[in-house]
Protein backbone atom coordinates (compact mmCIF):
# COMPACT_ATOMS: atom_id res chain seq x y z
CA MET A 1 -15.90 7.23 -10.17
CA LEU A 2 -15.00 3.79 -8.83
CA ASP A 3 -14.33 2.57 -12.36
CA VAL A 4 -11.91 5.44 -12.94
CA VAL A 5 -10.10 4.79 -9.66
CA ALA A 6 -9.85 1.08 -10.42
CA LEU A 7 -8.49 1.83 -13.88
CA ILE A 8 -5.86 4.22 -12.48
CA LEU A 9 -4.79 1.71 -9.82
CA PHE A 10 -4.55 -1.03 -12.47
CA VAL A 11 -2.47 1.16 -14.80
CA ILE A 12 -0.10 2.04 -11.94
CA LEU A 13 0.16 -1.33 -10.18
CA PHE A 14 0.36 -3.58 -13.26
CA PRO A 15 3.67 -2.11 -14.59
CA LEU A 16 5.07 -2.01 -11.04
CA SER A 17 4.26 -5.69 -10.53
CA LEU A 18 5.92 -6.55 -13.86
CA LEU A 19 9.04 -4.57 -12.87
CA TYR A 20 9.07 -6.28 -9.46
CA VAL A 21 8.88 -9.77 -11.01
CA HIS A 22 11.54 -8.85 -13.59
CA GLY A 23 13.80 -7.53 -10.82
CA CYS A 24 13.38 -10.71 -8.78
CA GLU A 25 14.28 -12.81 -11.82
CA ARG A 26 17.40 -10.70 -12.42
CA LEU A 27 18.45 -11.07 -8.77
CA LYS A 28 17.99 -14.85 -8.93
CA GLY A 29 20.01 -14.95 -12.16
CA LYS A 30 22.87 -12.99 -10.58
CA ARG A 31 22.98 -15.25 -7.51
CA LYS A 32 23.32 -18.43 -9.57
């Protein structure tokens, strides 16, 4: 069960973290 939960969390959080980093880069680009 723990493996399944960890996999689900990874699948959900990994794309969110990528979107967050991409959004921060876009904001920095707009400010400059």
